[in-house]
Amino acid sequence: MQTSHIQMIKRALSSYAPPVFRAIRQSRRILHARRNSRLQARLLPWKEKFIARHGFVVQGGPFAGMTFHKSSPEQAYLPLLTGSYEAETHPFIEAALKRDPSTIVDVGCEAGYVAVGLARRAPAAKVIGFDIDPAMRDKCRTLAAANGVGDRVMIENACTPARLDELCAGRTLVFCDCEGYEYELLDPAKAPNLKHADIIVELHDFMRIDVDITASITARFAATHDIELVGIAPRAAGQFPSVSALPDAVRAEALQENRVAYQQWAFLRAKTRA
């Protein structure tokens, strides 16, 4: 089923049967949480072995070598430690870093995986992370200090279009994962300097029923950016050698992220730079 058809069904359910729509969404959240819980429980012995061998150092991907937050094996998330997390965006990250950004903005920085990883990869850039959760902001600061980039990673609360416009005055890379708020934030009518910024964005059409996020954002930037969309791609264990010590039957699960089947990311490459 195409995303547009799914969107239409969601809107119809939301408009004409709101209780049914809310019940479906809640059921999906519960089932997703249960699937993740069962998967993490099955992986526990292998997470223990992985951590005993590699510690809490990211083993692959664009942020290989980064020290991540130490936690118990129960709480550890293998896609982060293997470096396979959001592998679909890895080519976008490498291409964006080659364009030598002087400012990197991470909207929805959470515990700092991307913000600190990018700070390590772009030692001349300043990085500004945004997150509305104070606990996540603290974790991001801690991670930045642990990786020796605390002087270049600044953390703020909510990001507004006006603040984003200020930060995009130079050669800027915007990394955006903000649970549907990208529709309001990534708007060159509100933040004109976005016309010259490179943008990597996780698109959350599945979280919004009131707007078409992907169609709207691609239309807004069609004239000023070259746009590439990518959907979920299968993980190949050979791409992430650190899982080679795990049994064959476990490797795929170790890289599993349990995402919505029609999840997409976009790379918007500015045709002209500030």
C-alpha atoms as a PDB file:
ATOM      1  CA  MET A   1       0.000   0.000   0.000  1.00  0.00           C
ATOM      2  CA  GLN A   2       1.368   3.389  -0.983  1.00  0.00           C
ATOM      3  CA  THR A   3       2.032   5.995   1.690  1.00  0.00           C
ATOM      4  CA  SER A   4      -0.558   8.382   0.207  1.00  0.00           C
ATOM      5  CA  HIS A   5      -3.258   5.710   0.525  1.00  0.00           C
ATOM      6  CA  ILE A   6      -2.244   5.021   4.115  1.00  0.00           C
ATOM      7  CA  GLN A   7      -2.461   8.751   4.839  1.00  0.00           C
ATOM      8  CA  MET A   8      -5.961   8.886   3.347  1.00  0.00           C
ATOM      9  CA  ILE A   9      -7.112   5.970   5.474  1.00  0.00           C
ATOM     10  CA  LYS A  10      -5.663   7.550   8.608  1.00  0.00           C
ATOM     11  CA  ARG A  11      -7.412  10.834   7.913  1.00  0.00           C
ATOM     12  CA  ALA A  12     -10.722   9.113   7.249  1.00  0.00           C
ATOM     13  CA  LEU A  13     -10.502   7.133  10.477  1.00  0.00           C
ATOM     14  CA  SER A  14      -9.446  10.210  12.431  1.00  0.00           C
ATOM     15  CA  SER A  15     -12.288  12.312  11.013  1.00  0.00           C
ATOM     16  CA  TYR A  16     -15.149   9.831  11.104  1.00  0.00           C
ATOM     17  CA  ALA A  17     -14.168   7.387  13.853  1.00  0.00           C
ATOM     18  CA  PRO A  18     -11.765   9.114  16.264  1.00  0.00           C
ATOM     19  CA  PRO A  19     -12.120   6.509  19.043  1.00  0.00           C
ATOM     20  CA  VAL A  20     -11.299   3.719  16.586  1.00  0.00           C
ATOM     21  CA  PHE A  21      -8.270   5.603  15.300  1.00  0.00           C
ATOM     22  CA  ARG A  22      -6.978   6.294  18.817  1.00  0.00           C
ATOM     23  CA  ALA A  23      -7.480   2.643  19.773  1.00  0.00           C
ATOM     24  CA  ILE A  24      -5.564   1.463  16.701  1.00  0.00           C
ATOM     25  CA  ARG A  25      -2.653   3.815  17.399  1.00  0.00           C
ATOM     26  CA  GLN A  26      -2.497   2.799  21.047  1.00  0.00           C
ATOM     27  CA  SER A  27      -2.629  -0.893  20.122  1.00  0.00           C
ATOM     28  CA  ARG A  28       0.213  -0.415  17.652  1.00  0.00           C
ATOM     29  CA  ARG A  29       2.339   1.333  20.273  1.00  0.00           C
ATOM     30  CA  ILE A  30       1.725  -1.467  22.757  1.00  0.00           C
ATOM     31  CA  LEU A  31       2.481  -4.211  20.224  1.00  0.00           C
ATOM     32  CA  HIS A  32       5.623  -2.423  19.045  1.00  0.00           C
ATOM     33  CA  ALA A  33       6.867  -2.046  22.624  1.00  0.00           C
ATOM     34  CA  ARG A  34       6.180  -5.716  23.327  1.00  0.00           C
ATOM     35  CA  ARG A  35       8.020  -6.835  20.185  1.00  0.00           C
ATOM     36  CA  ASN A  36      11.018  -4.720  21.129  1.00  0.00           C
ATOM     37  CA  SER A  37      10.943  -6.011  24.695  1.00  0.00           C
ATOM     38  CA  ARG A  38      10.902  -9.640  23.537  1.00  0.00           C
ATOM     39  CA  LEU A  39      13.697  -9.004  21.050  1.00  0.00           C
ATOM     40  CA  GLN A  40      15.906  -7.292  23.621  1.00  0.00           C
ATOM     41  CA  ALA A  41      15.290 -10.123  26.085  1.00  0.00           C
ATOM     42  CA  ARG A  42      16.327 -12.719  23.495  1.00  0.00           C
ATOM     43  CA  LEU A  43      19.447 -10.731  22.701  1.00  0.00           C
ATOM     44  CA  LEU A  44      20.560 -10.276  26.305  1.00  0.00           C
ATOM     45  CA  PRO A  45      23.182 -13.090  26.379  1.00  0.00           C
ATOM     46  CA  TRP A  46      24.625 -11.829  23.103  1.00  0.00           C
ATOM     47  CA  LYS A  47      24.607  -8.214  24.234  1.00  0.00           C
ATOM     48  CA  GLU A  48      26.612  -9.300  27.266  1.00  0.00           C
ATOM     49  CA  LYS A  49      29.164 -11.035  25.023  1.00  0.00           C
ATOM     50  CA  PHE A  50      29.314  -8.079  22.645  1.00  0.00           C
ATOM     51  CA  ILE A  51      29.917  -5.585  25.464  1.00  0.00           C
ATOM     52  CA  ALA A  52      32.474  -7.831  27.122  1.00  0.00           C
ATOM     53  CA  ARG A  53      34.415  -7.811  23.850  1.00  0.00           C
ATOM     54  CA  HIS A  54      33.935  -4.248  22.599  1.00  0.00           C
ATOM     55  CA  GLY A  55      32.781  -2.244  25.599  1.00  0.00           C
ATOM     56  CA  PHE A  56      30.643   0.800  24.857  1.00  0.00           C
ATOM     57  CA  VAL A  57      32.624   1.972  21.830  1.00  0.00           C
ATOM     58  CA  VAL A  58      30.788   2.326  18.507  1.00  0.00           C
ATOM     59  CA  GLN A  59      32.253  -0.267  16.171  1.00  0.00           C
ATOM     60  CA  GLY A  60      31.194   0.801  12.688  1.00  0.00           C
ATOM     61  CA  GLY A  61      29.346   3.331  10.571  1.00  0.00           C
ATOM     62  CA  PRO A  62      30.192   7.044  10.331  1.00  0.00           C
ATOM     63  CA  PHE A  63      30.703   7.380  14.096  1.00  0.00           C
ATOM     64  CA  ALA A  64      33.042   4.417  14.624  1.00  0.00           C
ATOM     65  CA  GLY A  65      35.342   4.947  17.589  1.00  0.00           C
ATOM     66  CA  MET A  66      32.944   7.143  19.545  1.00  0.00           C
ATOM     67  CA  THR A  67      32.553   6.242  23.213  1.00  0.00           C
ATOM     68  CA  PHE A  68      28.863   5.836  23.965  1.00  0.00           C
ATOM     69  CA  HIS A  69      27.021   5.988  27.279  1.00  0.00           C
ATOM     70  CA  LYS A  70      27.820   3.071  29.549  1.00  0.00           C
ATOM     71  CA  SER A  71      24.747   1.161  30.673  1.00  0.00           C
ATOM     72  CA  SER A  72      23.680  -2.320  31.657  1.00  0.00           C
ATOM     73  CA  PRO A  73      23.433  -4.977  28.916  1.00  0.00           C
ATOM     74  CA  GLU A  74      19.667  -4.940  29.468  1.00  0.00           C
ATOM     75  CA  GLN A  75      19.532  -1.255  28.523  1.00  0.00           C
ATOM     76  CA  ALA A  76      22.170  -1.343  25.766  1.00  0.00           C
ATOM     77  CA  TYR A  77      20.956  -1.040  22.181  1.00  0.00           C
ATOM     78  CA  LEU A  78      23.089  -3.008  19.750  1.00  0.00           C
ATOM     79  CA  PRO A  79      22.366  -0.975  16.574  1.00  0.00           C
ATOM     80  CA  LEU A  80      24.008   2.018  18.285  1.00  0.00           C
ATOM     81  CA  LEU A  81      27.040   0.036  19.412  1.00  0.00           C
ATOM     82  CA  THR A  82      27.509  -1.814  16.121  1.00  0.00           C
ATOM     83  CA  GLY A  83      27.178   1.493  14.266  1.00  0.00           C
ATOM     84  CA  SER A  84      24.362   0.149  12.101  1.00  0.00           C
ATOM     85  CA  TYR A  85      21.805   2.575  13.514  1.00  0.00           C
ATOM     86  CA  GLU A  86      19.908   4.343  10.708  1.00  0.00           C
ATOM     87  CA  ALA A  87      22.314   2.914   8.163  1.00  0.00           C
ATOM     88  CA  GLU A  88      20.098   4.381   5.454  1.00  0.00           C
ATOM     89  CA  THR A  89      21.436   7.826   6.363  1.00  0.00           C
ATOM     90  CA  HIS A  90      25.121   6.896   6.359  1.00  0.00           C
ATOM     91  CA  PRO A  91      25.724   7.813   2.696  1.00  0.00           C
ATOM     92  CA  PHE A  92      23.927  11.121   3.316  1.00  0.00           C
ATOM     93  CA  ILE A  93      26.164  11.865   6.301  1.00  0.00           C
ATOM     94  CA  GLU A  94      29.344  11.116   4.380  1.00  0.00           C
ATOM     95  CA  ALA A  95      28.252  13.267   1.438  1.00  0.00           C
ATOM     96  CA  ALA A  96      27.262  16.150   3.717  1.00  0.00           C
ATOM     97  CA  LEU A  97      30.558  16.041   5.634  1.00  0.00           C
ATOM     98  CA  LYS A  98      32.482  16.300   2.369  1.00  0.00           C
ATOM     99  CA  ARG A  99      30.821  19.692   1.878  1.00  0.00           C
ATOM    100  CA  ASP A 100      32.701  20.979   4.947  1.00  0.00           C
ATOM    101  CA  PRO A 101      29.924  22.456   7.115  1.00  0.00           C
ATOM    102  CA  SER A 102      31.019  25.146   9.556  1.00  0.00           C
ATOM    103  CA  THR A 103      27.849  24.748  11.628  1.00  0.00           C
ATOM    104  CA  ILE A 104      25.945  21.539  12.345  1.00  0.00           C
ATOM    105  CA  VAL A 105      22.462  21.625  13.839  1.00  0.00           C
ATOM    106  CA  ASP A 106      20.936  18.468  15.323  1.00  0.00           C
ATOM    107  CA  VAL A 107      17.223  18.894  16.050  1.00  0.00           C
ATOM    108  CA  GLY A 108      16.056  16.108  18.337  1.00  0.00           C
ATOM    109  CA  CYS A 109      19.551  15.249  19.529  1.00  0.00           C
ATOM    110  CA  GLU A 110      18.400  12.952  22.359  1.00  0.00           C
ATOM    111  CA  ALA A 111      21.421  11.355  24.116  1.00  0.00           C
ATOM    112  CA  GLY A 112      23.869  12.809  21.594  1.00  0.00           C
ATOM    113  CA  TYR A 113      24.668   9.916  19.266  1.00  0.00           C
ATOM    114  CA  VAL A 114      24.477  12.016  16.097  1.00  0.00           C
ATOM    115  CA  ALA A 115      25.464  15.417  17.536  1.00  0.00           C
ATOM    116  CA  VAL A 116      28.628  14.101  19.187  1.00  0.00           C
ATOM    117  CA  GLY A 117      29.382  11.746  16.309  1.00  0.00           C
ATOM    118  CA  LEU A 118      29.240  14.620  13.840  1.00  0.00           C
ATOM    119  CA  ALA A 119      31.336  16.820  16.127  1.00  0.00           C
ATOM    120  CA  ARG A 120      34.045  14.150  16.111  1.00  0.00           C
ATOM    121  CA  ARG A 121      33.901  13.871  12.313  1.00  0.00           C
ATOM    122  CA  ALA A 122      33.936  17.639  11.689  1.00  0.00           C
ATOM    123  CA  PRO A 123      36.541  19.024  14.103  1.00  0.00           C
ATOM    124  CA  ALA A 124      36.337  22.568  12.702  1.00  0.00           C
ATOM    125  CA  ALA A 125      32.559  22.820  13.041  1.00  0.00           C
ATOM    126  CA  LYS A 126      30.454  24.019  15.921  1.00  0.00           C
ATOM    127  CA  VAL A 127      27.502  21.773  16.767  1.00  0.00           C
ATOM    128  CA  ILE A 128      24.206  22.908  18.260  1.00  0.00           C
ATOM    129  CA  GLY A 129      21.863  20.212  19.513  1.00  0.00           C
ATOM    130  CA  PHE A 130      18.214  20.743  20.413  1.00  0.00           C
ATOM    131  CA  ASP A 131      15.977  18.565  22.554  1.00  0.00           C
ATOM    132  CA  ILE A 132      12.884  19.348  24.594  1.00  0.00           C
ATOM    133  CA  ASP A 133      13.717  16.665  27.189  1.00  0.00           C
ATOM    134  CA  PRO A 134      16.063  18.023  29.894  1.00  0.00           C
ATOM    135  CA  ALA A 135      17.327  14.513  30.713  1.00  0.00           C
ATOM    136  CA  MET A 136      18.371  14.029  27.092  1.00  0.00           C
ATOM    137  CA  ARG A 137      20.082  17.415  27.024  1.00  0.00           C
ATOM    138  CA  ASP A 138      22.119  16.398  30.065  1.00  0.00           C
ATOM    139  CA  LYS A 139      23.042  13.094  28.458  1.00  0.00           C
ATOM    140  CA  CYS A 140      24.158  14.832  25.286  1.00  0.00           C
ATOM    141  CA  ARG A 141      26.415  17.175  27.260  1.00  0.00           C
ATOM    142  CA  THR A 142      27.885  14.213  29.148  1.00  0.00           C
ATOM    143  CA  LEU A 143      28.568  12.332  25.923  1.00  0.00           C
ATOM    144  CA  ALA A 144      30.204  15.371  24.339  1.00  0.00           C
ATOM    145  CA  ALA A 145      32.541  15.744  27.320  1.00  0.00           C
ATOM    146  CA  ALA A 146      33.388  12.028  27.295  1.00  0.00           C
ATOM    147  CA  ASN A 147      34.453  12.306  23.663  1.00  0.00           C
ATOM    148  CA  GLY A 148      36.491  15.486  24.041  1.00  0.00           C
ATOM    149  CA  VAL A 149      34.140  17.746  22.066  1.00  0.00           C
ATOM    150  CA  GLY A 150      32.322  19.436  24.936  1.00  0.00           C
ATOM    151  CA  ASP A 151      33.745  22.822  23.955  1.00  0.00           C
ATOM    152  CA  ARG A 152      32.165  22.630  20.484  1.00  0.00           C
ATOM    153  CA  VAL A 153      28.784  21.022  21.274  1.00  0.00           C
ATOM    154  CA  MET A 154      26.165  23.399  22.626  1.00  0.00           C
ATOM    155  CA  ILE A 155      22.757  22.156  23.721  1.00  0.00           C
ATOM    156  CA  GLU A 156      19.517  24.122  23.660  1.00  0.00           C
ATOM    157  CA  ASN A 157      15.860  23.411  24.371  1.00  0.00           C
ATOM    158  CA  ALA A 158      13.224  23.706  21.633  1.00  0.00           C
ATOM    159  CA  CYS A 159      14.257  24.817  18.152  1.00  0.00           C
ATOM    160  CA  THR A 160      12.146  27.427  16.378  1.00  0.00           C
ATOM    161  CA  PRO A 161      12.246  28.440  12.718  1.00  0.00           C
ATOM    162  CA  ALA A 162      13.649  31.821  13.761  1.00  0.00           C
ATOM    163  CA  ARG A 163      16.489  30.245  15.747  1.00  0.00           C
ATOM    164  CA  LEU A 164      17.192  27.799  12.948  1.00  0.00           C
ATOM    165  CA  ASP A 165      17.372  30.670  10.473  1.00  0.00           C
ATOM    166  CA  GLU A 166      20.029  32.359  12.628  1.00  0.00           C
ATOM    167  CA  LEU A 167      22.138  29.211  12.703  1.00  0.00           C
ATOM    168  CA  CYS A 168      21.934  28.627   8.946  1.00  0.00           C
ATOM    169  CA  ALA A 169      23.677  31.865   7.978  1.00  0.00           C
ATOM    170  CA  GLY A 170      26.882  30.046   6.972  1.00  0.00           C
ATOM    171  CA  ARG A 171      27.770  26.603   5.570  1.00  0.00           C
ATOM    172  CA  THR A 172      25.296  24.596   7.600  1.00  0.00           C
ATOM    173  CA  LEU A 173      24.237  20.978   7.905  1.00  0.00           C
ATOM    174  CA  VAL A 174      20.874  20.405   9.578  1.00  0.00           C
ATOM    175  CA  PHE A 175      20.161  16.916  10.913  1.00  0.00           C
ATOM    176  CA  CYS A 176      16.505  16.678  11.880  1.00  0.00           C
ATOM    177  CA  ASP A 177      14.714  13.896  13.772  1.00  0.00           C
ATOM    178  CA  CYS A 178      11.886  15.576  15.640  1.00  0.00           C
ATOM    179  CA  GLU A 179       8.851  13.296  15.483  1.00  0.00           C
ATOM    180  CA  GLY A 180       6.749  15.186  12.931  1.00  0.00           C
ATOM    181  CA  TYR A 181       7.732  18.731  13.931  1.00  0.00           C
ATOM    182  CA  GLU A 182       9.903  18.832  10.807  1.00  0.00           C
ATOM    183  CA  TYR A 183       6.763  19.965   8.953  1.00  0.00           C
ATOM    184  CA  GLU A 184       6.625  23.212  10.951  1.00  0.00           C
ATOM    185  CA  LEU A 185      10.384  23.683  11.291  1.00  0.00           C
ATOM    186  CA  LEU A 186      11.785  23.025   7.826  1.00  0.00           C
ATOM    187  CA  ASP A 187      10.052  25.850   6.018  1.00  0.00           C
ATOM    188  CA  PRO A 188      12.107  28.369   3.998  1.00  0.00           C
ATOM    189  CA  ALA A 189       9.210  30.816   4.191  1.00  0.00           C
ATOM    190  CA  LYS A 190       9.875  30.994   7.956  1.00  0.00           C
ATOM    191  CA  ALA A 191      13.637  30.343   7.839  1.00  0.00           C
ATOM    192  CA  PRO A 192      14.979  31.704   4.513  1.00  0.00           C
ATOM    193  CA  ASN A 193      18.569  30.657   5.203  1.00  0.00           C
ATOM    194  CA  LEU A 194      17.484  27.028   4.895  1.00  0.00           C
ATOM    195  CA  LYS A 195      17.666  27.605   1.135  1.00  0.00           C
ATOM    196  CA  HIS A 196      21.459  27.379   1.431  1.00  0.00           C
ATOM    197  CA  ALA A 197      21.719  24.631   4.085  1.00  0.00           C
ATOM    198  CA  ASP A 198      22.167  20.903   3.567  1.00  0.00           C
ATOM    199  CA  ILE A 199      19.452  18.962   5.389  1.00  0.00           C
ATOM    200  CA  ILE A 200      19.168  15.326   6.453  1.00  0.00           C
ATOM    201  CA  VAL A 201      15.691  14.663   7.819  1.00  0.00           C
ATOM    202  CA  GLU A 202      13.817  11.663   9.127  1.00  0.00           C
ATOM    203  CA  LEU A 203      10.306  11.957   7.749  1.00  0.00           C
ATOM    204  CA  HIS A 204       7.481  11.064  10.133  1.00  0.00           C
ATOM    205  CA  ASP A 205       4.425  10.835   7.909  1.00  0.00           C
ATOM    206  CA  PHE A 206       3.273   7.877   9.990  1.00  0.00           C
ATOM    207  CA  MET A 207       3.014  10.145  13.063  1.00  0.00           C
ATOM    208  CA  ARG A 208       0.899  12.904  11.493  1.00  0.00           C
ATOM    209  CA  ILE A 209      -2.547  12.636   9.969  1.00  0.00           C
ATOM    210  CA  ASP A 210      -3.168  16.343   9.492  1.00  0.00           C
ATOM    211  CA  VAL A 211      -0.466  17.040   6.881  1.00  0.00           C
ATOM    212  CA  ASP A 212       1.555  15.327   4.148  1.00  0.00           C
ATOM    213  CA  ILE A 213       5.063  15.833   5.481  1.00  0.00           C
ATOM    214  CA  THR A 214       7.160  14.309   2.703  1.00  0.00           C
ATOM    215  CA  ALA A 215       5.215  15.903  -0.147  1.00  0.00           C
ATOM    216  CA  SER A 216       5.211  19.288   1.558  1.00  0.00           C
ATOM    217  CA  ILE A 217       8.908  19.386   2.418  1.00  0.00           C
ATOM    218  CA  THR A 218      10.066  18.140  -0.978  1.00  0.00           C
ATOM    219  CA  ALA A 219       7.875  20.757  -2.666  1.00  0.00           C
ATOM    220  CA  ARG A 220       9.248  23.560  -0.477  1.00  0.00           C
ATOM    221  CA  PHE A 221      12.849  22.764  -1.396  1.00  0.00           C
ATOM    222  CA  ALA A 222      12.443  21.514  -4.966  1.00  0.00           C
ATOM    223  CA  ALA A 223      13.838  24.699  -6.517  1.00  0.00           C
ATOM    224  CA  THR A 224      16.776  25.178  -4.138  1.00  0.00           C
ATOM    225  CA  HIS A 225      17.946  21.641  -3.374  1.00  0.00           C
ATOM    226  CA  ASP A 226      18.748  18.342  -5.006  1.00  0.00           C
ATOM    227  CA  ILE A 227      16.592  15.875  -3.103  1.00  0.00           C
ATOM    228  CA  GLU A 228      17.179  12.187  -2.482  1.00  0.00           C
ATOM    229  CA  LEU A 229      14.718   9.961  -0.635  1.00  0.00           C
ATOM    230  CA  VAL A 230      15.506   6.569   0.836  1.00  0.00           C
ATOM    231  CA  GLY A 231      13.352   3.993   2.578  1.00  0.00           C
ATOM    232  CA  ILE A 232      14.257   1.194   4.951  1.00  0.00           C
ATOM    233  CA  ALA A 233      17.023  -1.023   3.602  1.00  0.00           C
ATOM    234  CA  PRO A 234      17.944  -4.501   4.850  1.00  0.00           C
ATOM    235  CA  ARG A 235      21.010  -4.737   7.065  1.00  0.00           C
ATOM    236  CA  ALA A 236      23.830  -6.969   5.846  1.00  0.00           C
ATOM    237  CA  ALA A 237      25.902  -8.406   8.675  1.00  0.00           C
ATOM    238  CA  GLY A 238      28.982  -8.183   6.442  1.00  0.00           C
ATOM    239  CA  GLN A 239      28.731  -4.382   6.549  1.00  0.00           C
ATOM    240  CA  PHE A 240      29.216  -4.443  10.323  1.00  0.00           C
ATOM    241  CA  PRO A 241      32.036  -6.861  11.179  1.00  0.00           C
ATOM    242  CA  SER A 242      31.565  -6.498  14.926  1.00  0.00           C
ATOM    243  CA  VAL A 243      28.544  -8.810  14.764  1.00  0.00           C
ATOM    244  CA  SER A 244      30.610 -11.581  13.154  1.00  0.00           C
ATOM    245  CA  ALA A 245      31.279 -13.085  16.581  1.00  0.00           C
ATOM    246  CA  LEU A 246      27.541 -13.640  17.049  1.00  0.00           C
ATOM    247  CA  PRO A 247      25.764 -16.754  15.712  1.00  0.00           C
ATOM    248  CA  ASP A 248      24.353 -16.394  12.208  1.00  0.00           C
ATOM    249  CA  ALA A 249      20.789 -16.628  13.492  1.00  0.00           C
ATOM    250  CA  VAL A 250      21.380 -13.711  15.884  1.00  0.00           C
ATOM    251  CA  ARG A 251      23.187 -11.277  13.600  1.00  0.00           C
ATOM    252  CA  ALA A 252      20.101 -10.004  11.797  1.00  0.00           C
ATOM    253  CA  GLU A 253      18.268  -9.471  15.077  1.00  0.00           C
ATOM    254  CA  ALA A 254      21.258  -7.603  16.510  1.00  0.00           C
ATOM    255  CA  LEU A 255      20.863  -5.066  13.684  1.00  0.00           C
ATOM    256  CA  GLN A 256      17.063  -4.914  13.925  1.00  0.00           C
ATOM    257  CA  GLU A 257      15.468  -1.499  14.556  1.00  0.00           C
ATOM    258  CA  ASN A 258      11.773  -2.456  14.234  1.00  0.00           C
ATOM    259  CA  ARG A 259      10.743   0.563  12.193  1.00  0.00           C
ATOM    260  CA  VAL A 260       7.521   1.277  10.344  1.00  0.00           C
ATOM    261  CA  ALA A 261       7.737  -0.424   6.947  1.00  0.00           C
ATOM    262  CA  TYR A 262       7.318   2.808   4.965  1.00  0.00           C
ATOM    263  CA  GLN A 263       9.760   4.935   7.010  1.00  0.00           C
ATOM    264  CA  GLN A 264      11.735   7.382   4.837  1.00  0.00           C
ATOM    265  CA  TRP A 265      14.651   9.777   5.163  1.00  0.00           C
ATOM    266  CA  ALA A 266      15.586  12.634   2.837  1.00  0.00           C
ATOM    267  CA  PHE A 267      18.851  14.329   1.955  1.00  0.00           C
ATOM    268  CA  LEU A 268      18.331  17.866   0.694  1.00  0.00           C
ATOM    269  CA  ARG A 269      21.575  19.092  -0.834  1.00  0.00           C
ATOM    270  CA  ALA A 270      21.633  22.868  -1.335  1.00  0.00           C
ATOM    271  CA  LYS A 271      22.345  23.923  -4.911  1.00  0.00           C
ATOM    272  CA  THR A 272      24.037  27.102  -3.614  1.00  0.00           C
ATOM    273  CA  ARG A 273      25.848  27.548  -0.303  1.00  0.00           C
ATOM    274  CA  ALA A 274      25.799  30.615   1.917  1.00  0.00           C
END
